[in-house]
Protein backbone atom coordinates (compact mmCIF):
# COMPACT_ATOMS: atom_id res chain seq x y z
CA MET A 1 115.32 89.84 84.45
CA ALA A 2 115.43 93.57 84.28
CA GLY A 3 116.57 93.72 80.89
CA GLN A 4 118.35 96.94 79.59
CA LEU A 5 118.66 99.77 82.28
CA THR A 6 116.63 102.90 81.73
CA SER A 7 116.65 106.17 83.22
CA PRO A 8 113.31 106.87 85.54
CA GLN A 9 113.15 110.32 84.26
CA ALA A 10 112.80 108.88 80.38
CA THR A 11 109.73 106.96 81.34
CA GLY A 12 107.67 110.18 81.73
CA GLY A 13 105.39 112.09 79.32
CA ALA A 14 101.82 113.01 78.98
CA GLY A 15 99.31 112.26 81.74
CA MET A 16 102.15 112.31 84.48
CA VAL A 17 99.68 114.71 86.67
CA PHE A 18 97.45 111.86 86.78
CA GLU A 19 100.12 109.20 87.76
CA TYR A 20 101.62 111.52 90.61
CA ARG A 21 98.33 111.94 91.92
CA VAL A 22 97.89 108.13 92.16
CA ALA A 23 101.63 108.05 93.67
CA ALA A 24 100.11 110.38 96.10
CA ILE A 25 97.28 108.42 97.20
CA MET A 26 99.55 105.35 97.60
CA LEU A 27 102.08 107.43 99.89
CA SER A 28 99.05 108.57 101.87
CA ARG A 29 97.83 105.04 102.32
CA LEU A 30 101.53 103.91 103.34
CA ILE A 31 101.98 106.47 106.10
CA ARG A 32 98.24 105.71 107.22
CA GLY A 33 99.12 101.87 107.52
CA ALA A 34 96.32 101.30 104.97
CA THR A 35 96.00 98.71 102.53
CA VAL A 36 96.28 98.68 98.49
CA PRO A 37 92.78 99.90 97.26
CA VAL A 38 92.50 96.64 95.05
CA GLY A 39 93.51 93.09 94.90
CA THR A 40 94.42 92.41 98.78
CA GLN A 41 93.62 93.58 102.23
CA LEU A 42 97.28 93.39 103.64
CA PRO A 43 98.70 96.77 104.75
CA ILE A 44 101.19 98.46 102.73
CA PHE A 45 104.92 98.15 103.69
CA ARG A 46 106.99 99.81 101.08
CA VAL A 47 106.34 101.69 97.85
CA GLY A 48 108.33 101.60 94.55
CA PHE A 49 108.25 104.01 91.74
CA GLN A 50 109.58 103.54 88.36
CA GLN A 51 110.77 100.15 89.12
CA ARG A 52 111.68 98.74 85.53
CA ASN A 53 115.40 98.48 86.35
CA ALA A 54 114.28 96.41 89.40
CA GLY A 55 112.78 93.93 87.09
CA TYR A 56 109.12 95.09 87.03
CA ALA A 57 107.17 95.32 83.64
CA LEU A 58 104.29 97.27 85.03
CA ASP A 59 106.67 99.65 86.75
CA ASP A 60 104.76 102.73 87.55
CA ILE A 61 103.83 101.96 91.16
CA VAL A 62 105.08 98.72 92.96
CA ALA A 63 103.32 98.37 96.45
CA HIS A 64 105.34 95.81 98.78
CA LEU A 65 102.87 94.46 101.33
CA LEU A 66 103.23 93.75 105.04
CA PRO A 67 105.21 90.34 105.32
CA ARG A 68 103.45 87.52 107.47
CA GLY A 69 105.67 85.14 109.40
CA ASP A 70 108.47 83.73 107.21
CA SER A 71 106.59 83.97 103.77
CA PRO A 72 107.99 86.50 101.07
CA PRO A 73 105.43 89.35 101.06
CA PRO A 74 103.37 89.57 98.42
CA ARG A 75 103.73 92.52 95.86
CA VAL A 76 101.13 94.40 93.53
CA GLN A 77 102.88 96.04 90.50
CA PHE A 78 100.58 98.87 88.83
CA GLN A 79 100.56 100.85 85.78
CA ALA A 80 98.90 104.04 85.68
CA LYS A 81 96.70 105.19 82.65
CA LYS A 82 94.84 108.69 82.69
CA ARG A 83 93.05 107.44 79.81
CA ILE A 84 92.88 104.02 78.41
CA GLY A 85 90.72 102.05 75.67
CA ILE A 86 90.14 98.38 75.76
CA THR A 87 90.55 97.87 71.95
CA ILE A 88 93.40 96.40 69.83
CA GLN A 89 93.92 99.45 68.20
CA ASP A 90 94.60 101.42 71.65
CA ARG A 91 98.59 101.55 71.87
CA GLU A 92 98.53 101.81 75.48
CA PHE A 93 96.28 99.11 76.28
CA CYS A 94 98.30 96.76 74.24
CA LYS A 95 101.27 97.93 75.95
CA VAL A 96 99.84 96.73 79.16
CA MET A 97 98.94 93.55 77.96
CA ALA A 98 102.54 93.02 76.50
CA ALA A 99 104.24 94.11 79.98
CA ALA A 100 101.77 91.50 81.48
CA VAL A 101 103.03 88.58 79.29
CA GLN A 102 106.46 89.58 79.81
CA THR A 103 105.98 89.62 83.57
CA TYR A 104 104.08 86.07 83.47
CA ARG A 105 107.05 84.61 81.55
CA GLU A 106 109.39 85.84 83.97
CA HIS A 107 107.71 85.29 87.28
CA ALA A 108 105.45 82.60 86.61
CA ALA A 109 105.79 80.82 89.74
CA GLU A 110 105.11 84.02 91.70
CA PHE A 111 102.13 84.49 89.55
CA GLN A 112 100.83 81.06 90.43
CA SER A 113 101.35 81.45 94.14
CA GLY A 114 99.78 84.56 94.72
CA HIS A 115 102.89 86.52 95.49
CA LEU A 116 102.76 88.85 92.52
CA LEU A 117 99.77 90.49 91.48
CA LEU A 118 99.06 93.03 88.55
CA GLY A 119 97.31 96.07 88.79
CA LEU A 120 95.97 98.74 86.25
CA ALA A 121 95.50 102.20 87.79
CA VAL A 122 93.28 103.79 85.01
CA GLY A 123 91.20 107.21 85.12
CA GLU A 124 88.76 106.56 82.42
CA SER A 125 88.04 104.47 79.45
CA ALA A 126 88.47 106.01 76.07
CA THR A 127 85.74 103.74 74.65
CA ALA A 128 82.49 103.05 76.54
CA HIS A 129 82.60 103.91 80.52
CA ALA A 130 80.98 100.27 81.43
CA ASP A 131 84.28 98.73 79.65
CA LEU A 132 86.05 99.22 82.97
CA ASP A 133 83.34 97.68 85.21
CA ASP A 134 83.20 94.70 82.43
CA LEU A 135 86.88 94.15 82.73
CA VAL A 136 86.67 93.97 86.40
CA HIS A 137 83.83 91.56 85.86
CA LEU A 138 86.04 89.28 83.69
CA THR A 139 89.14 89.46 86.27
CA GLU A 140 86.82 88.41 88.90
CA MET A 141 85.45 85.55 86.79
CA ALA A 142 89.12 84.30 86.23
CA ARG A 143 89.81 84.39 89.68
CA ALA A 144 86.73 82.51 90.61
CA ASP A 145 87.94 79.58 88.56
CA ASP A 146 91.21 77.74 89.28
CA GLY A 147 91.09 75.94 86.00
CA LEU A 148 90.98 77.25 82.31
CA GLU A 149 88.24 75.00 81.10
CA GLU A 150 85.99 76.07 83.87
CA PHE A 151 86.58 79.51 83.09
CA LYS A 152 86.15 79.07 79.30
CA LEU A 153 82.80 77.43 80.23
CA GLN A 154 81.75 81.02 81.90
CA LEU A 155 82.31 82.68 78.59
CA ARG A 156 79.61 80.66 76.72
CA LYS A 157 76.62 82.98 74.99
CA SER A 158 73.87 81.60 77.38
CA VAL A 159 76.02 82.57 80.52
CA THR A 160 78.08 85.92 79.98
CA ARG A 161 76.81 88.89 78.08
CA GLU A 162 78.33 89.65 74.79
CA ARG A 163 80.20 92.80 75.66
CA ARG A 164 82.16 90.98 77.94
CA ARG A 165 82.75 88.05 75.67
CA THR A 166 84.04 90.64 73.32
CA LEU A 167 86.41 92.00 75.56
CA TYR A 168 87.69 88.70 76.32
CA ASP A 169 88.24 88.31 72.51
CA ILE A 170 90.02 91.64 72.55
CA ILE A 171 92.17 90.61 75.59
CA SER A 172 93.42 87.21 74.07
CA THR A 173 94.21 88.98 70.59
CA ALA A 174 96.32 91.50 72.67
CA VAL A 175 98.07 88.81 74.41
CA ALA A 176 98.58 86.64 71.25
CA ALA A 177 100.32 89.56 69.65
CA ALA A 178 102.44 89.87 72.67
CA ALA A 179 103.27 86.50 73.00
CA ALA A 180 104.07 85.99 69.15
CA SER A 181 101.93 82.90 69.37
CA SER A 182 98.93 81.45 67.09
CA ASP A 183 98.46 78.32 69.59
CA THR A 184 94.82 78.82 71.07
CA SER A 185 95.69 76.71 73.99
CA VAL A 186 98.75 78.78 74.75
CA ILE A 187 96.93 82.16 74.40
CA ASP A 188 93.71 80.87 76.23
CA TYR A 189 96.24 79.72 79.24
CA LEU A 190 98.19 82.95 79.43
CA SER A 191 94.84 85.22 78.88
CA HIS A 192 93.22 83.40 81.82
CA GLN A 193 96.32 83.59 84.03
CA ILE A 194 96.64 87.29 83.26
CA LEU A 195 93.14 88.12 83.97
CA SER A 196 92.97 86.08 87.35
CA SER A 197 95.96 88.10 88.71
CA LEU A 198 94.88 91.56 87.22
CA HIS A 199 93.14 94.08 89.34
CA ILE A 200 91.55 97.16 88.11
CA TRP A 201 91.53 100.34 89.83
CA HIS A 202 89.21 102.66 88.55
CA VAL A 203 90.82 105.98 90.13
CA ARG A 204 88.83 109.34 90.48
CA ALA A 205 91.62 111.43 91.28
CA ASP A 206 90.86 114.87 90.53
CA ASP A 207 90.16 117.23 93.36
CA ASP A 208 86.44 116.24 93.41
CA GLY A 209 87.15 112.66 92.64
CA LYS A 210 85.94 110.12 95.17
CA ASP A 211 89.40 108.39 95.57
CA TRP A 212 90.95 112.06 96.28
CA ARG A 213 88.29 113.24 98.60
CA ALA A 214 88.20 109.87 100.35
CA GLU A 215 92.08 109.90 100.95
CA LEU A 216 91.86 113.31 102.65
CA ASP A 217 89.22 112.09 104.91
CA GLY A 218 91.80 109.28 105.60
CA LEU A 219 94.67 111.77 106.27
CA SER A 220 92.51 114.32 108.38
CA GLY A 221 93.64 112.73 111.83
CA ILE A 222 97.27 112.44 110.84
CA ALA A 223 97.03 116.12 109.37
CA ALA A 224 95.30 117.51 112.42
CA GLN A 225 98.06 116.01 114.90
CA ALA A 226 100.65 117.93 112.53
CA GLY A 227 99.02 120.89 112.67
CA LEU A 228 97.93 120.72 108.89
CA ALA A 229 94.56 120.80 107.17
CA ALA A 230 94.47 117.38 105.04
CA PRO A 231 94.74 118.94 101.48
CA ASP A 232 98.04 120.72 102.63
CA LEU A 233 99.61 117.24 103.60
CA MET A 234 98.32 115.69 100.67
CA GLY A 235 100.13 118.57 98.49
CA HIS A 236 103.35 117.56 100.35
CA LEU A 237 102.67 113.89 99.77
CA TYR A 238 102.13 114.95 95.92
CA SER A 239 105.45 116.91 95.80
CA LEU A 240 107.02 113.65 97.38
CA ALA A 241 105.69 111.42 94.82
CA THR A 242 107.07 113.47 91.80
CA PHE A 243 110.57 113.43 93.43
CA PHE A 244 110.42 109.88 94.05
CA ASP A 245 109.00 109.06 90.67
CA LYS A 246 111.66 111.02 88.82
CA HIS A 247 114.39 109.16 90.84
CA GLY A 248 112.92 105.66 90.90
CA GLY A 249 112.49 105.49 94.67
CA LEU A 250 111.79 102.59 96.91
CA VAL A 251 110.39 104.10 100.40
CA SER A 252 108.93 102.94 103.63
CA ALA A 253 106.67 104.88 105.67
CA GLN A 254 109.56 106.21 108.10
CA HIS A 255 111.27 107.33 104.99
CA VAL A 256 108.35 109.32 103.92
CA HIS A 257 108.03 110.78 107.63
CA ARG A 258 111.69 111.88 107.62
CA GLN A 259 111.37 113.75 104.09
CA LEU A 260 108.15 115.42 105.46
CA LEU A 261 110.00 116.60 108.33
CA SER A 262 113.32 117.69 106.80
CA LEU A 263 111.70 119.37 103.77
CA PHE A 264 108.35 120.93 105.04
CA GLY A 265 108.85 120.73 108.96
CA VAL A 266 105.91 118.63 109.17
CA ASP A 267 106.17 115.64 111.94
CA VAL A 268 103.37 113.21 111.25
CA ALA A 269 102.65 110.68 113.88
CA LEU A 270 102.81 107.10 112.12
CA PRO A 271 100.32 104.51 113.46
CA ALA A 272 101.95 101.26 114.76
CA ARG A 273 99.62 99.04 112.90
CA GLY A 274 100.98 97.52 109.57
CA LEU A 275 104.40 99.31 109.56
CA VAL A 276 106.22 96.37 111.07
CA PRO A 277 105.76 92.76 111.64
CA ARG A 278 103.65 91.83 114.82
CA ILE A 279 105.61 90.42 117.60
CA PRO A 280 103.48 87.62 119.27
CA GLY A 281 102.91 88.07 122.85
CA ILE A 282 100.57 87.52 125.73
CA ASN A 283 97.81 89.52 126.96
CA VAL A 284 97.00 89.24 130.49
CA THR A 285 94.20 90.48 132.73
CA SER A 286 94.68 90.08 136.49
CA TYR A 287 91.94 90.43 139.37
CA GLY A 288 92.83 89.88 142.75
CA ASN A 289 96.18 89.61 144.82
CA GLY A 290 98.96 86.92 144.72
CA PRO A 291 101.42 85.87 142.26
CA MET A 292 100.92 85.33 138.87
CA PHE A 293 102.81 83.30 136.44
CA VAL A 294 102.80 83.88 132.50
CA ALA A 295 104.59 81.90 129.78
CA GLU A 296 104.44 80.88 126.20
CA ASN A 297 106.14 77.39 125.20
CA GLN A 298 107.84 77.36 128.32
CA VAL A 299 108.08 74.27 130.92
CA PHE A 300 108.46 74.75 134.64
CA TYR A 301 110.00 71.56 136.02
CA GLY A 302 109.77 70.65 139.64
CA SER A 303 106.99 73.43 140.66
CA HIS A 304 104.56 72.72 143.51
CA PHE A 305 101.41 74.87 143.77
CA SER A 306 99.11 74.52 146.79
CA PRO A 307 95.83 76.22 146.84
CA ASN A 308 95.59 79.25 149.03
CA PRO A 309 94.53 78.69 152.57
CA GLY A 310 92.54 81.58 152.97
C-alpha cells in the first residue's frame, strides 16, 4: 500500500545532485535500450522517479523491465545515496533497511517470485571503502542459497571472513529494529530475504567517474546522429531527470524522445531493440526460383506437391 501520500518535491534535500546524476544515467540507458546496471540482464522499459505514492518504499528510482510473454515484468526499486555508512548508527542506512523490511512485508510474493528487486545506488561508503564490496559479497552469498539454513552455514567463522560476518550482524540488527522483533528466527529470515533481493550499484557519477564516462561512451552514437556531443546530450538528460524527479514522473523512451525534441530541439534515434516486446516471426532465405510456402502453426489441407520435372 502507498500509505500517506507525499509531495515528490518534499523528498528532496542534500545529495540531490548525485541522485539526479544517477537518474540521468538511467534515462540514458532507457533511450539506448540498455539494461539496469545491476540485478538483471533485461532491458529497461520505463523509469519512475519518487514513486512512494505508487507504493514503492525505496522510491528514488524504479526501473520497470521489458516484459517477456504474458508474465508481469520485473521491477527494480532503487534508493540513491551519495554517501552511506554500513553501521547501526548511520541514519540513512537504517532508513534503507526499514524501507526494505516494509517492502518485503507488503510484497512478499513478488519478492519470492523475483518480480520485485531492491537496489541501492551509492556513491561512497562513509566507513571503510571495502564495506561496499563486502556488502555485495553478502548479497551474492544470500542469492546463492535458497534456504536460510544453508546461508547461515556460509557465515561460519571458518568459511566467511570476520568483516563480512560483522556486516551481517549490523544488517540483522537494523532489520530487527525495523521489524520491531526480537525473534531470532524472524530476523534471520527477513535478513536473508532482503539480502537475496538487494543489489548494490556502486556508482561513480562525477565527471571523471567510470559510470558517467561509460554512459557518455554509450551515448556517443545516438548523440552523433542527433548532431550533438555526448556530454551535451547527457546534460539534457540531466535536466529532464531533475524535472521528472520533482514531479514523480514515470516515463518511457518515447516520452523522453518527445521531451528532448520539444524542449531542446534534439531528435534522437531510438534503437528498436528493447523498447517494445518482440513479435514472433519467421526469417526465410531463398535460393533459386519457384514457389515458396512459409507458415507458422498452420495446416494446409488437400495440398499435393510434385517434384520439379526439370
